[in-house]
Every structure is written in C-alpha cells, then in structure tokens.
Amino acid sequence: MSFAEISTLQNWADSEGFQYELWSDDSKTLAIYYDAATSSSWAPDRVTVLLDADGNQLLSYSVGWGISSHPREVLEDVQAIFGD
C-alpha cells in the first residue's frame, strides 16, 4: 500500500511485472491506524502487517531498510501460523 495514486502504482507494477493488486491509502487512514505514519502530514514508514481472514492484526513488522531478509521472516511466520 502506498500514498501514491492508483494510476502511478499500476504503471510501476506493470513495469516491474507484478501480477498482484496494489492499493492506495490516499487518505492516509490505514497508515495512521497501523502506526506506519504518525499523522497525515508524514510519509509512511515501511511496515508489513499480517492479517487473518477476518482482518484482525496478527503480526506487525517494522521493515526499515532491512528489506532483503524481511520476506523470508514473513513467509516463515505465515507458514507457522497458517501451515504450508
């Protein structure tokens, strides 16, 4: 999720070959709710939030710039919680 407009996100996703849906938080409501931003005037931090099927928050990760190990950690947690 990003503060960018959907058209900007879609152009970026197309150029990267991503085949999943990207969302925009242009009102910055979710970023504030999940503590990725402290107010609507701040740029968001890199945060990953793992939700269950009902939308309840299970885990939250402050990614920062440690992006290289982050996907592995999230995948391991997902497998531990939901199984393979």
C-alpha atoms as a PDB file:
ATOM      1  CA  MET A   1       0.000   0.000   0.000  1.00  0.00           C
ATOM      2  CA  SER A   2       1.200   3.466  -0.782  1.00  0.00           C
ATOM      3  CA  PHE A   3       0.062   7.072  -0.686  1.00  0.00           C
ATOM      4  CA  ALA A   4       0.560   7.244  -4.453  1.00  0.00           C
ATOM      5  CA  GLU A   5      -2.386   7.367  -6.827  1.00  0.00           C
ATOM      6  CA  ILE A   6      -3.609   4.054  -8.256  1.00  0.00           C
ATOM      7  CA  SER A   7      -2.551   5.020 -11.796  1.00  0.00           C
ATOM      8  CA  THR A   8       1.017   5.658 -10.601  1.00  0.00           C
ATOM      9  CA  LEU A   9       1.065   2.386  -8.687  1.00  0.00           C
ATOM     10  CA  GLN A  10      -0.331   0.462 -11.651  1.00  0.00           C
ATOM     11  CA  ASN A  11       2.294   1.878 -14.016  1.00  0.00           C
ATOM     12  CA  TRP A  12       5.025   0.868 -11.566  1.00  0.00           C
ATOM     13  CA  ALA A  13       3.530  -2.613 -11.065  1.00  0.00           C
ATOM     14  CA  ASP A  14       3.290  -3.111 -14.829  1.00  0.00           C
ATOM     15  CA  SER A  15       6.910  -2.055 -15.346  1.00  0.00           C
ATOM     16  CA  GLU A  16       8.039  -4.468 -12.605  1.00  0.00           C
ATOM     17  CA  GLY A  17       5.863  -7.328 -13.870  1.00  0.00           C
ATOM     18  CA  PHE A  18       3.885  -7.609 -10.619  1.00  0.00           C
ATOM     19  CA  GLN A  19       0.716  -9.635 -11.010  1.00  0.00           C
ATOM     20  CA  TYR A  20      -0.993  -8.719  -7.776  1.00  0.00           C
ATOM     21  CA  GLU A  21      -3.268  -5.900  -6.766  1.00  0.00           C
ATOM     22  CA  LEU A  22      -1.763  -2.759  -5.267  1.00  0.00           C
ATOM     23  CA  TRP A  23      -3.762  -0.448  -3.032  1.00  0.00           C
ATOM     24  CA  SER A  24      -3.576   3.269  -2.364  1.00  0.00           C
ATOM     25  CA  ASP A  25      -4.061   4.815   1.063  1.00  0.00           C
ATOM     26  CA  ASP A  26      -4.528   8.319  -0.293  1.00  0.00           C
ATOM     27  CA  SER A  27      -6.436   9.402   2.825  1.00  0.00           C
ATOM     28  CA  LYS A  28      -3.554   8.016   4.964  1.00  0.00           C
ATOM     29  CA  THR A  29      -6.093   6.433   7.307  1.00  0.00           C
ATOM     30  CA  LEU A  30      -4.604   2.933   7.286  1.00  0.00           C
ATOM     31  CA  ALA A  31      -1.034   4.183   7.680  1.00  0.00           C
ATOM     32  CA  ILE A  32      -2.031   6.009  10.834  1.00  0.00           C
ATOM     33  CA  TYR A  33      -4.144   3.089  12.114  1.00  0.00           C
ATOM     34  CA  TYR A  34      -1.272   0.605  11.675  1.00  0.00           C
ATOM     35  CA  ASP A  35       1.371   3.029  13.009  1.00  0.00           C
ATOM     36  CA  ALA A  36       3.173   3.411   9.685  1.00  0.00           C
ATOM     37  CA  ALA A  37       2.653   7.179   9.986  1.00  0.00           C
ATOM     38  CA  THR A  38       2.030   9.374  12.994  1.00  0.00           C
ATOM     39  CA  SER A  39      -0.102  11.912  11.130  1.00  0.00           C
ATOM     40  CA  SER A  40      -1.402  12.623   7.645  1.00  0.00           C
ATOM     41  CA  SER A  41       1.454  15.069   7.079  1.00  0.00           C
ATOM     42  CA  TRP A  42       4.185  12.423   7.460  1.00  0.00           C
ATOM     43  CA  ALA A  43       5.468   9.973   4.867  1.00  0.00           C
ATOM     44  CA  PRO A  44       4.838   6.375   5.943  1.00  0.00           C
ATOM     45  CA  ASP A  45       7.462   4.031   7.334  1.00  0.00           C
ATOM     46  CA  ARG A  46       7.907   0.651   5.714  1.00  0.00           C
ATOM     47  CA  VAL A  47       5.612  -1.594   7.715  1.00  0.00           C
ATOM     48  CA  THR A  48       4.178  -5.023   6.980  1.00  0.00           C
ATOM     49  CA  VAL A  49       1.002  -6.059   8.768  1.00  0.00           C
ATOM     50  CA  LEU A  50      -0.135  -9.680   8.730  1.00  0.00           C
ATOM     51  CA  LEU A  51      -3.909 -10.026   8.966  1.00  0.00           C
ATOM     52  CA  ASP A  52      -6.126 -13.069   9.356  1.00  0.00           C
ATOM     53  CA  ALA A  53      -9.111 -13.782   7.094  1.00  0.00           C
ATOM     54  CA  ASP A  54     -11.334 -11.573   9.276  1.00  0.00           C
ATOM     55  CA  GLY A  55      -8.949  -8.614   9.073  1.00  0.00           C
ATOM     56  CA  ASN A  56      -7.586  -8.963  12.597  1.00  0.00           C
ATOM     57  CA  GLN A  57      -3.962  -7.954  13.004  1.00  0.00           C
ATOM     58  CA  LEU A  58      -1.775 -10.928  13.884  1.00  0.00           C
ATOM     59  CA  LEU A  59       1.734  -9.532  13.492  1.00  0.00           C
ATOM     60  CA  SER A  60       3.412  -6.291  12.529  1.00  0.00           C
ATOM     61  CA  TYR A  61       6.927  -5.834  11.166  1.00  0.00           C
ATOM     62  CA  SER A  62       8.867  -2.603  11.037  1.00  0.00           C
ATOM     63  CA  VAL A  63      10.777  -3.154   7.829  1.00  0.00           C
ATOM     64  CA  GLY A  64      13.043  -0.128   7.666  1.00  0.00           C
ATOM     65  CA  TRP A  65      15.737  -0.782   5.094  1.00  0.00           C
ATOM     66  CA  GLY A  66      16.237  -4.462   6.036  1.00  0.00           C
ATOM     67  CA  ILE A  67      14.151  -5.463   3.058  1.00  0.00           C
ATOM     68  CA  SER A  68      16.419  -8.333   1.958  1.00  0.00           C
ATOM     69  CA  SER A  69      15.668 -10.597   4.957  1.00  0.00           C
ATOM     70  CA  HIS A  70      12.142  -9.360   5.572  1.00  0.00           C
ATOM     71  CA  PRO A  71      10.231 -11.527   3.044  1.00  0.00           C
ATOM     72  CA  ARG A  72      11.782 -14.703   4.457  1.00  0.00           C
ATOM     73  CA  GLU A  73      10.780 -13.772   8.005  1.00  0.00           C
ATOM     74  CA  VAL A  74       7.190 -13.005   6.979  1.00  0.00           C
ATOM     75  CA  LEU A  75       6.925 -16.232   4.956  1.00  0.00           C
ATOM     76  CA  GLU A  76       8.205 -18.300   7.885  1.00  0.00           C
ATOM     77  CA  ASP A  77       5.651 -16.701  10.205  1.00  0.00           C
ATOM     78  CA  VAL A  78       2.827 -17.223   7.689  1.00  0.00           C
ATOM     79  CA  GLN A  79       3.748 -20.899   7.346  1.00  0.00           C
ATOM     80  CA  ALA A  80       3.931 -21.309  11.134  1.00  0.00           C
ATOM     81  CA  ILE A  81       0.508 -19.696  11.622  1.00  0.00           C
ATOM     82  CA  PHE A  82      -1.427 -20.955   8.592  1.00  0.00           C
ATOM     83  CA  GLY A  83       0.591 -24.002   7.528  1.00  0.00           C
ATOM     84  CA  ASP A  84       2.029 -24.719   4.108  1.00  0.00           C
END
